mmCIF file of all heavy atoms, coordinates in Angstrom:
data_MODEL
# 
_entry.id   MODEL 
# 
loop_
_atom_site.group_PDB 
_atom_site.id 
_atom_site.type_symbol 
_atom_site.label_atom_id 
_atom_site.label_alt_id 
_atom_site.label_comp_id 
_atom_site.label_asym_id 
_atom_site.label_entity_id 
_atom_site.label_seq_id 
_atom_site.pdbx_PDB_ins_code 
_atom_site.Cartn_x 
_atom_site.Cartn_y 
_atom_site.Cartn_z 
_atom_site.occupancy 
_atom_site.B_iso_or_equiv 
_atom_site.pdbx_formal_charge 
_atom_site.auth_seq_id 
_atom_site.auth_comp_id 
_atom_site.auth_asym_id 
_atom_site.auth_atom_id 
_atom_site.pdbx_PDB_model_num 
ATOM 1   N N   . ASN A 1 1  ? 0.840  -1.194 0.045   1.00 0.00 ? 1  ASN A N   1 
ATOM 2   C CA  . ASN A 1 1  ? 0.028  0.045  -0.043  1.00 0.00 ? 1  ASN A CA  1 
ATOM 3   C C   . ASN A 1 1  ? 0.865  1.240  -0.014  1.00 0.00 ? 1  ASN A C   1 
ATOM 4   O O   . ASN A 1 1  ? 0.805  2.116  -0.888  1.00 0.00 ? 1  ASN A O   1 
ATOM 5   C CB  . ASN A 1 1  ? -0.936 -0.026 1.230   1.00 0.00 ? 1  ASN A CB  1 
ATOM 6   C CG  . ASN A 1 1  ? -1.865 1.130  1.284   1.00 0.00 ? 1  ASN A CG  1 
ATOM 7   O OD1 . ASN A 1 1  ? -1.584 2.237  0.830   1.00 0.00 ? 1  ASN A OD1 1 
ATOM 8   N ND2 . ASN A 1 1  ? -2.977 0.946  1.994   1.00 0.00 ? 1  ASN A ND2 1 
ATOM 9   N N   . PHE A 1 2  ? 1.742  1.347  1.003   1.00 0.00 ? 2  PHE A N   1 
ATOM 10  C CA  . PHE A 1 2  ? 2.555  2.540  1.106   1.00 0.00 ? 2  PHE A CA  1 
ATOM 11  C C   . PHE A 1 2  ? 3.681  2.584  0.021   1.00 0.00 ? 2  PHE A C   1 
ATOM 12  O O   . PHE A 1 2  ? 3.975  3.718  -0.495  1.00 0.00 ? 2  PHE A O   1 
ATOM 13  C CB  . PHE A 1 2  ? 3.187  2.611  2.477   1.00 0.00 ? 2  PHE A CB  1 
ATOM 14  C CG  . PHE A 1 2  ? 2.193  3.049  3.537   1.00 0.00 ? 2  PHE A CG  1 
ATOM 15  C CD1 . PHE A 1 2  ? 1.699  2.089  4.424   1.00 0.00 ? 2  PHE A CD1 1 
ATOM 16  C CD2 . PHE A 1 2  ? 1.834  4.345  3.665   1.00 0.00 ? 2  PHE A CD2 1 
ATOM 17  C CE1 . PHE A 1 2  ? 0.728  2.457  5.339   1.00 0.00 ? 2  PHE A CE1 1 
ATOM 18  C CE2 . PHE A 1 2  ? 0.912  4.763  4.572   1.00 0.00 ? 2  PHE A CE2 1 
ATOM 19  C CZ  . PHE A 1 2  ? 0.302  3.813  5.455   1.00 0.00 ? 2  PHE A CZ  1 
ATOM 20  N N   . ALA A 1 3  ? 4.181  1.425  -0.400  1.00 0.00 ? 3  ALA A N   1 
ATOM 21  C CA  . ALA A 1 3  ? 5.231  1.466  -1.410  1.00 0.00 ? 3  ALA A CA  1 
ATOM 22  C C   . ALA A 1 3  ? 4.633  1.919  -2.763  1.00 0.00 ? 3  ALA A C   1 
ATOM 23  O O   . ALA A 1 3  ? 5.233  2.749  -3.458  1.00 0.00 ? 3  ALA A O   1 
ATOM 24  C CB  . ALA A 1 3  ? 5.804  0.056  -1.553  1.00 0.00 ? 3  ALA A CB  1 
ATOM 25  N N   . THR A 1 4  ? 3.395  1.532  -3.085  1.00 0.00 ? 4  THR A N   1 
ATOM 26  C CA  . THR A 1 4  ? 2.739  1.960  -4.322  1.00 0.00 ? 4  THR A CA  1 
ATOM 27  C C   . THR A 1 4  ? 2.472  3.450  -4.232  1.00 0.00 ? 4  THR A C   1 
ATOM 28  O O   . THR A 1 4  ? 2.777  4.215  -5.163  1.00 0.00 ? 4  THR A O   1 
ATOM 29  C CB  . THR A 1 4  ? 1.432  1.187  -4.518  1.00 0.00 ? 4  THR A CB  1 
ATOM 30  O OG1 . THR A 1 4  ? 1.681  -0.186 -4.605  1.00 0.00 ? 4  THR A OG1 1 
ATOM 31  C CG2 . THR A 1 4  ? 0.721  1.728  -5.788  1.00 0.00 ? 4  THR A CG2 1 
ATOM 32  N N   . PHE A 1 5  ? 2.025  3.958  -3.101  1.00 0.00 ? 5  PHE A N   1 
ATOM 33  C CA  . PHE A 1 5  ? 1.656  5.338  -2.946  1.00 0.00 ? 5  PHE A CA  1 
ATOM 34  C C   . PHE A 1 5  ? 2.954  6.185  -3.095  1.00 0.00 ? 5  PHE A C   1 
ATOM 35  O O   . PHE A 1 5  ? 2.985  7.102  -3.831  1.00 0.00 ? 5  PHE A O   1 
ATOM 36  C CB  . PHE A 1 5  ? 1.072  5.573  -1.551  1.00 0.00 ? 5  PHE A CB  1 
ATOM 37  C CG  . PHE A 1 5  ? 0.839  7.032  -1.268  1.00 0.00 ? 5  PHE A CG  1 
ATOM 38  C CD1 . PHE A 1 5  ? -0.278 7.635  -1.738  1.00 0.00 ? 5  PHE A CD1 1 
ATOM 39  C CD2 . PHE A 1 5  ? 1.702  7.757  -0.455  1.00 0.00 ? 5  PHE A CD2 1 
ATOM 40  C CE1 . PHE A 1 5  ? -0.492 8.996  -1.442  1.00 0.00 ? 5  PHE A CE1 1 
ATOM 41  C CE2 . PHE A 1 5  ? 1.466  9.087  -0.122  1.00 0.00 ? 5  PHE A CE2 1 
ATOM 42  C CZ  . PHE A 1 5  ? 0.380  9.711  -0.683  1.00 0.00 ? 5  PHE A CZ  1 
ATOM 43  N N   . ILE A 1 6  ? 4.054  5.782  -2.417  1.00 0.00 ? 6  ILE A N   1 
ATOM 44  C CA  . ILE A 1 6  ? 5.303  6.568  -2.423  1.00 0.00 ? 6  ILE A CA  1 
ATOM 45  C C   . ILE A 1 6  ? 5.905  6.539  -3.816  1.00 0.00 ? 6  ILE A C   1 
ATOM 46  O O   . ILE A 1 6  ? 6.378  7.592  -4.296  1.00 0.00 ? 6  ILE A O   1 
ATOM 47  C CB  . ILE A 1 6  ? 6.270  6.020  -1.336  1.00 0.00 ? 6  ILE A CB  1 
ATOM 48  C CG1 . ILE A 1 6  ? 5.736  6.400  0.057   1.00 0.00 ? 6  ILE A CG1 1 
ATOM 49  C CG2 . ILE A 1 6  ? 7.653  6.571  -1.546  1.00 0.00 ? 6  ILE A CG2 1 
ATOM 50  C CD1 . ILE A 1 6  ? 6.387  5.716  1.158   1.00 0.00 ? 6  ILE A CD1 1 
ATOM 51  N N   . LEU A 1 7  ? 5.916  5.368  -4.479  1.00 0.00 ? 7  LEU A N   1 
ATOM 52  C CA  . LEU A 1 7  ? 6.429  5.257  -5.855  1.00 0.00 ? 7  LEU A CA  1 
ATOM 53  C C   . LEU A 1 7  ? 5.728  6.233  -6.765  1.00 0.00 ? 7  LEU A C   1 
ATOM 54  O O   . LEU A 1 7  ? 6.402  6.989  -7.508  1.00 0.00 ? 7  LEU A O   1 
ATOM 55  C CB  . LEU A 1 7  ? 6.360  3.887  -6.309  1.00 0.00 ? 7  LEU A CB  1 
ATOM 56  C CG  . LEU A 1 7  ? 6.973  3.543  -7.693  1.00 0.00 ? 7  LEU A CG  1 
ATOM 57  C CD1 . LEU A 1 7  ? 8.461  3.720  -7.616  1.00 0.00 ? 7  LEU A CD1 1 
ATOM 58  C CD2 . LEU A 1 7  ? 6.618  2.177  -8.118  1.00 0.00 ? 7  LEU A CD2 1 
ATOM 59  N N   . ILE A 1 8  ? 4.424  6.209  -6.795  1.00 0.00 ? 8  ILE A N   1 
ATOM 60  C CA  . ILE A 1 8  ? 3.669  7.060  -7.738  1.00 0.00 ? 8  ILE A CA  1 
ATOM 61  C C   . ILE A 1 8  ? 3.847  8.555  -7.400  1.00 0.00 ? 8  ILE A C   1 
ATOM 62  O O   . ILE A 1 8  ? 4.107  9.384  -8.304  1.00 0.00 ? 8  ILE A O   1 
ATOM 63  C CB  . ILE A 1 8  ? 2.224  6.681  -7.731  1.00 0.00 ? 8  ILE A CB  1 
ATOM 64  C CG1 . ILE A 1 8  ? 2.018  5.298  -8.288  1.00 0.00 ? 8  ILE A CG1 1 
ATOM 65  C CG2 . ILE A 1 8  ? 1.358  7.678  -8.510  1.00 0.00 ? 8  ILE A CG2 1 
ATOM 66  C CD1 . ILE A 1 8  ? 0.654  4.714  -8.137  1.00 0.00 ? 8  ILE A CD1 1 
ATOM 67  N N   . VAL A 1 9  ? 3.812  8.919  -6.087  1.00 0.00 ? 9  VAL A N   1 
ATOM 68  C CA  . VAL A 1 9  ? 4.034  10.291 -5.730  1.00 0.00 ? 9  VAL A CA  1 
ATOM 69  C C   . VAL A 1 9  ? 5.434  10.744 -6.000  1.00 0.00 ? 9  VAL A C   1 
ATOM 70  O O   . VAL A 1 9  ? 5.676  11.880 -6.484  1.00 0.00 ? 9  VAL A O   1 
ATOM 71  C CB  . VAL A 1 9  ? 3.700  10.483 -4.235  1.00 0.00 ? 9  VAL A CB  1 
ATOM 72  C CG1 . VAL A 1 9  ? 4.095  11.861 -3.741  1.00 0.00 ? 9  VAL A CG1 1 
ATOM 73  C CG2 . VAL A 1 9  ? 2.158  10.394 -4.016  1.00 0.00 ? 9  VAL A CG2 1 
ATOM 74  N N   . SER A 1 10 ? 6.398  9.876  -5.864  1.00 0.00 ? 10 SER A N   1 
ATOM 75  C CA  . SER A 1 10 ? 7.832  10.246 -6.163  1.00 0.00 ? 10 SER A CA  1 
ATOM 76  C C   . SER A 1 10 ? 7.981  10.544 -7.654  1.00 0.00 ? 10 SER A C   1 
ATOM 77  O O   . SER A 1 10 ? 8.713  11.414 -8.043  1.00 0.00 ? 10 SER A O   1 
ATOM 78  C CB  . SER A 1 10 ? 8.768  9.133  -5.751  1.00 0.00 ? 10 SER A CB  1 
ATOM 79  O OG  . SER A 1 10 ? 8.733  8.954  -4.369  1.00 0.00 ? 10 SER A OG  1 
ATOM 80  N N   . PHE A 1 11 ? 7.304  9.759  -8.431  1.00 0.00 ? 11 PHE A N   1 
ATOM 81  C CA  . PHE A 1 11 ? 7.394  9.917  -9.912  1.00 0.00 ? 11 PHE A CA  1 
ATOM 82  C C   . PHE A 1 11 ? 6.669  11.093 -10.458 1.00 0.00 ? 11 PHE A C   1 
ATOM 83  O O   . PHE A 1 11 ? 7.122  11.837 -11.290 1.00 0.00 ? 11 PHE A O   1 
ATOM 84  C CB  . PHE A 1 11 ? 6.993  8.634  -10.594 1.00 0.00 ? 11 PHE A CB  1 
ATOM 85  C CG  . PHE A 1 11 ? 7.270  8.526  -12.058 1.00 0.00 ? 11 PHE A CG  1 
ATOM 86  C CD1 . PHE A 1 11 ? 8.610  8.367  -12.509 1.00 0.00 ? 11 PHE A CD1 1 
ATOM 87  C CD2 . PHE A 1 11 ? 6.281  8.762  -12.998 1.00 0.00 ? 11 PHE A CD2 1 
ATOM 88  C CE1 . PHE A 1 11 ? 8.834  8.302  -13.887 1.00 0.00 ? 11 PHE A CE1 1 
ATOM 89  C CE2 . PHE A 1 11 ? 6.568  8.672  -14.358 1.00 0.00 ? 11 PHE A CE2 1 
ATOM 90  C CZ  . PHE A 1 11 ? 7.833  8.445  -14.787 1.00 0.00 ? 11 PHE A CZ  1 
ATOM 91  N N   . PHE A 1 12 ? 5.396  11.329 -10.010 1.00 0.00 ? 12 PHE A N   1 
ATOM 92  C CA  . PHE A 1 12 ? 4.525  12.321 -10.517 1.00 0.00 ? 12 PHE A CA  1 
ATOM 93  C C   . PHE A 1 12 ? 4.402  13.568 -9.653  1.00 0.00 ? 12 PHE A C   1 
ATOM 94  O O   . PHE A 1 12 ? 3.873  14.587 -10.132 1.00 0.00 ? 12 PHE A O   1 
ATOM 95  C CB  . PHE A 1 12 ? 3.093  11.754 -10.756 1.00 0.00 ? 12 PHE A CB  1 
ATOM 96  C CG  . PHE A 1 12 ? 3.024  10.711 -11.881 1.00 0.00 ? 12 PHE A CG  1 
ATOM 97  C CD1 . PHE A 1 12 ? 2.944  9.399  -11.585 1.00 0.00 ? 12 PHE A CD1 1 
ATOM 98  C CD2 . PHE A 1 12 ? 3.079  11.172 -13.185 1.00 0.00 ? 12 PHE A CD2 1 
ATOM 99  C CE1 . PHE A 1 12 ? 2.899  8.519  -12.615 1.00 0.00 ? 12 PHE A CE1 1 
ATOM 100 C CE2 . PHE A 1 12 ? 3.023  10.236 -14.180 1.00 0.00 ? 12 PHE A CE2 1 
ATOM 101 C CZ  . PHE A 1 12 ? 2.970  8.876  -13.941 1.00 0.00 ? 12 PHE A CZ  1 
ATOM 102 N N   . GLY A 1 13 ? 4.887  13.513 -8.404  1.00 0.00 ? 13 GLY A N   1 
ATOM 103 C CA  . GLY A 1 13 ? 4.818  14.699 -7.551  1.00 0.00 ? 13 GLY A CA  1 
ATOM 104 C C   . GLY A 1 13 ? 3.509  14.673 -6.697  1.00 0.00 ? 13 GLY A C   1 
ATOM 105 O O   . GLY A 1 13 ? 2.562  13.949 -6.949  1.00 0.00 ? 13 GLY A O   1 
ATOM 106 N N   . SER A 1 14 ? 3.593  15.453 -5.636  1.00 0.00 ? 14 SER A N   1 
ATOM 107 C CA  . SER A 1 14 ? 2.473  15.491 -4.686  1.00 0.00 ? 14 SER A CA  1 
ATOM 108 C C   . SER A 1 14 ? 1.498  16.669 -4.914  1.00 0.00 ? 14 SER A C   1 
ATOM 109 O O   . SER A 1 14 ? 0.583  16.843 -4.148  1.00 0.00 ? 14 SER A O   1 
ATOM 110 C CB  . SER A 1 14 ? 3.017  15.502 -3.267  1.00 0.00 ? 14 SER A CB  1 
ATOM 111 O OG  . SER A 1 14 ? 3.760  16.655 -3.036  1.00 0.00 ? 14 SER A OG  1 
ATOM 112 N N   . ARG A 1 15 ? 1.709  17.433 -5.894  1.00 0.00 ? 15 ARG A N   1 
ATOM 113 C CA  . ARG A 1 15 ? 0.843  18.544 -6.167  1.00 0.00 ? 15 ARG A CA  1 
ATOM 114 C C   . ARG A 1 15 ? -0.028 18.402 -7.412  1.00 0.00 ? 15 ARG A C   1 
ATOM 115 O O   . ARG A 1 15 ? -0.360 19.376 -8.068  1.00 0.00 ? 15 ARG A O   1 
ATOM 116 C CB  . ARG A 1 15 ? 1.714  19.823 -6.269  1.00 0.00 ? 15 ARG A CB  1 
ATOM 117 C CG  . ARG A 1 15 ? 2.526  20.097 -5.033  1.00 0.00 ? 15 ARG A CG  1 
ATOM 118 C CD  . ARG A 1 15 ? 2.494  21.585 -4.689  1.00 0.00 ? 15 ARG A CD  1 
ATOM 119 N NE  . ARG A 1 15 ? 3.345  21.860 -3.566  1.00 0.00 ? 15 ARG A NE  1 
ATOM 120 C CZ  . ARG A 1 15 ? 2.899  22.002 -2.341  1.00 0.00 ? 15 ARG A CZ  1 
ATOM 121 N NH1 . ARG A 1 15 ? 1.630  21.946 -2.076  1.00 0.00 ? 15 ARG A NH1 1 
ATOM 122 N NH2 . ARG A 1 15 ? 3.775  22.243 -1.385  1.00 0.00 ? 15 ARG A NH2 1 
ATOM 123 N N   . THR A 1 16 ? -0.311 17.196 -7.724  1.00 0.00 ? 16 THR A N   1 
ATOM 124 C CA  . THR A 1 16 ? -1.144 16.871 -8.897  1.00 0.00 ? 16 THR A CA  1 
ATOM 125 C C   . THR A 1 16 ? -2.226 15.955 -8.515  1.00 0.00 ? 16 THR A C   1 
ATOM 126 O O   . THR A 1 16 ? -2.291 15.438 -7.429  1.00 0.00 ? 16 THR A O   1 
ATOM 127 C CB  . THR A 1 16 ? -0.292 16.253 -9.999  1.00 0.00 ? 16 THR A CB  1 
ATOM 128 O OG1 . THR A 1 16 ? 0.160  14.889 -9.560  1.00 0.00 ? 16 THR A OG1 1 
ATOM 129 C CG2 . THR A 1 16 ? 0.921  17.059 -10.322 1.00 0.00 ? 16 THR A CG2 1 
ATOM 130 N N   . LEU A 1 17 ? -3.067 15.646 -9.515  1.00 0.00 ? 17 LEU A N   1 
ATOM 131 C CA  . LEU A 1 17 ? -4.167 14.681 -9.320  1.00 0.00 ? 17 LEU A CA  1 
ATOM 132 C C   . LEU A 1 17 ? -3.561 13.270 -9.011  1.00 0.00 ? 17 LEU A C   1 
ATOM 133 O O   . LEU A 1 17 ? -4.272 12.503 -8.414  1.00 0.00 ? 17 LEU A O   1 
ATOM 134 C CB  . LEU A 1 17 ? -4.958 14.654 -10.588 1.00 0.00 ? 17 LEU A CB  1 
ATOM 135 C CG  . LEU A 1 17 ? -6.102 13.632 -10.699 1.00 0.00 ? 17 LEU A CG  1 
ATOM 136 C CD1 . LEU A 1 17 ? -7.170 13.944 -9.610  1.00 0.00 ? 17 LEU A CD1 1 
ATOM 137 C CD2 . LEU A 1 17 ? -6.734 13.637 -12.037 1.00 0.00 ? 17 LEU A CD2 1 
ATOM 138 N N   . PHE A 1 18 ? -2.310 13.062 -9.380  1.00 0.00 ? 18 PHE A N   1 
ATOM 139 C CA  . PHE A 1 18 ? -1.727 11.728 -9.206  1.00 0.00 ? 18 PHE A CA  1 
ATOM 140 C C   . PHE A 1 18 ? -1.615 11.367 -7.748  1.00 0.00 ? 18 PHE A C   1 
ATOM 141 O O   . PHE A 1 18 ? -1.503 10.182 -7.431  1.00 0.00 ? 18 PHE A O   1 
ATOM 142 C CB  . PHE A 1 18 ? -0.381 11.608 -9.882  1.00 0.00 ? 18 PHE A CB  1 
ATOM 143 C CG  . PHE A 1 18 ? -0.510 11.487 -11.385 1.00 0.00 ? 18 PHE A CG  1 
ATOM 144 C CD1 . PHE A 1 18 ? -0.267 12.543 -12.273 1.00 0.00 ? 18 PHE A CD1 1 
ATOM 145 C CD2 . PHE A 1 18 ? -0.877 10.236 -11.920 1.00 0.00 ? 18 PHE A CD2 1 
ATOM 146 C CE1 . PHE A 1 18 ? -0.439 12.395 -13.613 1.00 0.00 ? 18 PHE A CE1 1 
ATOM 147 C CE2 . PHE A 1 18 ? -0.997 10.075 -13.272 1.00 0.00 ? 18 PHE A CE2 1 
ATOM 148 C CZ  . PHE A 1 18 ? -0.792 11.105 -14.128 1.00 0.00 ? 18 PHE A CZ  1 
ATOM 149 N N   . VAL A 1 19 ? -1.654 12.305 -6.825  1.00 0.00 ? 19 VAL A N   1 
ATOM 150 C CA  . VAL A 1 19 ? -1.613 11.920 -5.424  1.00 0.00 ? 19 VAL A CA  1 
ATOM 151 C C   . VAL A 1 19 ? -2.811 11.143 -4.989  1.00 0.00 ? 19 VAL A C   1 
ATOM 152 O O   . VAL A 1 19 ? -2.727 10.239 -4.222  1.00 0.00 ? 19 VAL A O   1 
ATOM 153 C CB  . VAL A 1 19 ? -1.319 13.192 -4.515  1.00 0.00 ? 19 VAL A CB  1 
ATOM 154 C CG1 . VAL A 1 19 ? -2.585 14.008 -4.350  1.00 0.00 ? 19 VAL A CG1 1 
ATOM 155 C CG2 . VAL A 1 19 ? -0.799 12.756 -3.133  1.00 0.00 ? 19 VAL A CG2 1 
ATOM 156 N N   . TYR A 1 20 ? -3.901 11.482 -5.582  1.00 0.00 ? 20 TYR A N   1 
ATOM 157 C CA  . TYR A 1 20 ? -5.185 10.775 -5.278  1.00 0.00 ? 20 TYR A CA  1 
ATOM 158 C C   . TYR A 1 20 ? -5.247 9.440  -5.996  1.00 0.00 ? 20 TYR A C   1 
ATOM 159 O O   . TYR A 1 20 ? -5.738 8.512  -5.511  1.00 0.00 ? 20 TYR A O   1 
ATOM 160 C CB  . TYR A 1 20 ? -6.386 11.657 -5.602  1.00 0.00 ? 20 TYR A CB  1 
ATOM 161 C CG  . TYR A 1 20 ? -6.314 12.948 -4.858  1.00 0.00 ? 20 TYR A CG  1 
ATOM 162 C CD1 . TYR A 1 20 ? -6.003 14.157 -5.456  1.00 0.00 ? 20 TYR A CD1 1 
ATOM 163 C CD2 . TYR A 1 20 ? -6.557 12.957 -3.428  1.00 0.00 ? 20 TYR A CD2 1 
ATOM 164 C CE1 . TYR A 1 20 ? -5.891 15.300 -4.697  1.00 0.00 ? 20 TYR A CE1 1 
ATOM 165 C CE2 . TYR A 1 20 ? -6.492 14.106 -2.721  1.00 0.00 ? 20 TYR A CE2 1 
ATOM 166 C CZ  . TYR A 1 20 ? -6.190 15.328 -3.375  1.00 0.00 ? 20 TYR A CZ  1 
ATOM 167 O OH  . TYR A 1 20 ? -6.031 16.445 -2.611  1.00 0.00 ? 20 TYR A OH  1 
ATOM 168 N N   . ILE A 1 21 ? -4.694 9.457  -7.177  1.00 0.00 ? 21 ILE A N   1 
ATOM 169 C CA  . ILE A 1 21 ? -4.612 8.170  -7.899  1.00 0.00 ? 21 ILE A CA  1 
ATOM 170 C C   . ILE A 1 21 ? -3.619 7.248  -7.132  1.00 0.00 ? 21 ILE A C   1 
ATOM 171 O O   . ILE A 1 21 ? -3.883 6.072  -7.017  1.00 0.00 ? 21 ILE A O   1 
ATOM 172 C CB  . ILE A 1 21 ? -4.028 8.376  -9.347  1.00 0.00 ? 21 ILE A CB  1 
ATOM 173 C CG1 . ILE A 1 21 ? -5.176 9.165  -10.147 1.00 0.00 ? 21 ILE A CG1 1 
ATOM 174 C CG2 . ILE A 1 21 ? -3.684 7.126  -10.076 1.00 0.00 ? 21 ILE A CG2 1 
ATOM 175 C CD1 . ILE A 1 21 ? -4.700 9.687  -11.480 1.00 0.00 ? 21 ILE A CD1 1 
ATOM 176 N N   . ALA A 1 22 ? -2.511 7.798  -6.632  1.00 0.00 ? 22 ALA A N   1 
ATOM 177 C CA  . ALA A 1 22 ? -1.575 7.011  -5.802  1.00 0.00 ? 22 ALA A CA  1 
ATOM 178 C C   . ALA A 1 22 ? -2.240 6.454  -4.661  1.00 0.00 ? 22 ALA A C   1 
ATOM 179 O O   . ALA A 1 22 ? -1.964 5.288  -4.228  1.00 0.00 ? 22 ALA A O   1 
ATOM 180 C CB  . ALA A 1 22 ? -0.345 7.855  -5.476  1.00 0.00 ? 22 ALA A CB  1 
ATOM 181 N N   . LEU A 1 23 ? -3.033 7.225  -3.919  1.00 0.00 ? 23 LEU A N   1 
ATOM 182 C CA  . LEU A 1 23 ? -3.776 6.817  -2.763  1.00 0.00 ? 23 LEU A CA  1 
ATOM 183 C C   . LEU A 1 23 ? -4.657 5.612  -3.133  1.00 0.00 ? 23 LEU A C   1 
ATOM 184 O O   . LEU A 1 23 ? -4.629 4.580  -2.434  1.00 0.00 ? 23 LEU A O   1 
ATOM 185 C CB  . LEU A 1 23 ? -4.611 7.938  -2.176  1.00 0.00 ? 23 LEU A CB  1 
ATOM 186 C CG  . LEU A 1 23 ? -5.487 7.619  -0.966  1.00 0.00 ? 23 LEU A CG  1 
ATOM 187 C CD1 . LEU A 1 23 ? -4.617 7.323  0.264   1.00 0.00 ? 23 LEU A CD1 1 
ATOM 188 C CD2 . LEU A 1 23 ? -6.436 8.757  -0.660  1.00 0.00 ? 23 LEU A CD2 1 
ATOM 189 N N   . CYS A 1 24 ? -5.431 5.736  -4.203  1.00 0.00 ? 24 CYS A N   1 
ATOM 190 C CA  . CYS A 1 24 ? -6.366 4.666  -4.561  1.00 0.00 ? 24 CYS A CA  1 
ATOM 191 C C   . CYS A 1 24 ? -5.611 3.394  -5.018  1.00 0.00 ? 24 CYS A C   1 
ATOM 192 O O   . CYS A 1 24 ? -6.007 2.285  -4.592  1.00 0.00 ? 24 CYS A O   1 
ATOM 193 C CB  . CYS A 1 24 ? -7.256 5.119  -5.700  1.00 0.00 ? 24 CYS A CB  1 
ATOM 194 S SG  . CYS A 1 24 ? -8.461 6.422  -5.212  1.00 0.00 ? 24 CYS A SG  1 
ATOM 195 N N   . LEU A 1 25 ? -4.538 3.564  -5.808  1.00 0.00 ? 25 LEU A N   1 
ATOM 196 C CA  . LEU A 1 25 ? -3.801 2.359  -6.281  1.00 0.00 ? 25 LEU A CA  1 
ATOM 197 C C   . LEU A 1 25 ? -3.048 1.750  -5.086  1.00 0.00 ? 25 LEU A C   1 
ATOM 198 O O   . LEU A 1 25 ? -2.932 0.520  -5.027  1.00 0.00 ? 25 LEU A O   1 
ATOM 199 C CB  . LEU A 1 25 ? -2.795 2.757  -7.331  1.00 0.00 ? 25 LEU A CB  1 
ATOM 200 C CG  . LEU A 1 25 ? -3.460 3.138  -8.663  1.00 0.00 ? 25 LEU A CG  1 
ATOM 201 C CD1 . LEU A 1 25 ? -2.412 3.623  -9.679  1.00 0.00 ? 25 LEU A CD1 1 
ATOM 202 C CD2 . LEU A 1 25 ? -4.258 1.961  -9.234  1.00 0.00 ? 25 LEU A CD2 1 
ATOM 203 N N   . GLY A 1 26 ? -2.632 2.540  -4.101  1.00 0.00 ? 26 GLY A N   1 
ATOM 204 C CA  . GLY A 1 26 ? -1.975 1.983  -2.931  1.00 0.00 ? 26 GLY A CA  1 
ATOM 205 C C   . GLY A 1 26 ? -2.984 1.150  -2.112  1.00 0.00 ? 26 GLY A C   1 
ATOM 206 O O   . GLY A 1 26 ? -2.684 0.049  -1.674  1.00 0.00 ? 26 GLY A O   1 
ATOM 207 N N   . ILE A 1 27 ? -4.151 1.718  -1.934  1.00 0.00 ? 27 ILE A N   1 
ATOM 208 C CA  . ILE A 1 27 ? -5.210 0.995  -1.217  1.00 0.00 ? 27 ILE A CA  1 
ATOM 209 C C   . ILE A 1 27 ? -5.534 -0.276 -1.908  1.00 0.00 ? 27 ILE A C   1 
ATOM 210 O O   . ILE A 1 27 ? -5.684 -1.378 -1.266  1.00 0.00 ? 27 ILE A O   1 
ATOM 211 C CB  . ILE A 1 27 ? -6.482 1.924  -1.019  1.00 0.00 ? 27 ILE A CB  1 
ATOM 212 C CG1 . ILE A 1 27 ? -6.150 2.997  -0.030  1.00 0.00 ? 27 ILE A CG1 1 
ATOM 213 C CG2 . ILE A 1 27 ? -7.669 1.004  -0.591  1.00 0.00 ? 27 ILE A CG2 1 
ATOM 214 C CD1 . ILE A 1 27 ? -7.159 4.063  0.095   1.00 0.00 ? 27 ILE A CD1 1 
ATOM 215 N N   . LEU A 1 28 ? -5.693 -0.265 -3.226  1.00 0.00 ? 28 LEU A N   1 
ATOM 216 C CA  . LEU A 1 28 ? -6.017 -1.534 -3.988  1.00 0.00 ? 28 LEU A CA  1 
ATOM 217 C C   . LEU A 1 28 ? -4.898 -2.538 -3.896  1.00 0.00 ? 28 LEU A C   1 
ATOM 218 O O   . LEU A 1 28 ? -5.187 -3.743 -3.730  1.00 0.00 ? 28 LEU A O   1 
ATOM 219 C CB  . LEU A 1 28 ? -6.239 -1.124 -5.438  1.00 0.00 ? 28 LEU A CB  1 
ATOM 220 C CG  . LEU A 1 28 ? -7.687 -0.490 -5.781  1.00 0.00 ? 28 LEU A CG  1 
ATOM 221 C CD1 . LEU A 1 28 ? -7.682 -0.056 -7.202  1.00 0.00 ? 28 LEU A CD1 1 
ATOM 222 C CD2 . LEU A 1 28 ? -8.765 -1.469 -5.421  1.00 0.00 ? 28 LEU A CD2 1 
ATOM 223 N N   . SER A 1 29 ? -3.635 -2.072 -3.987  1.00 0.00 ? 29 SER A N   1 
ATOM 224 C CA  . SER A 1 29 ? -2.531 -3.064 -3.837  1.00 0.00 ? 29 SER A CA  1 
ATOM 225 C C   . SER A 1 29 ? -2.540 -3.671 -2.446  1.00 0.00 ? 29 SER A C   1 
ATOM 226 O O   . SER A 1 29 ? -2.319 -4.878 -2.250  1.00 0.00 ? 29 SER A O   1 
ATOM 227 C CB  . SER A 1 29 ? -1.194 -2.451 -4.206  1.00 0.00 ? 29 SER A CB  1 
ATOM 228 O OG  . SER A 1 29 ? -0.864 -1.459 -3.306  1.00 0.00 ? 29 SER A OG  1 
# 
């Protein structure tokens, strides 16, 4: 969960819509 979240946020940044996508994908993983 946290690894997926951190990986996506690290790649796309935390000031975009991707932070919420990262949250959802982290929860799903």
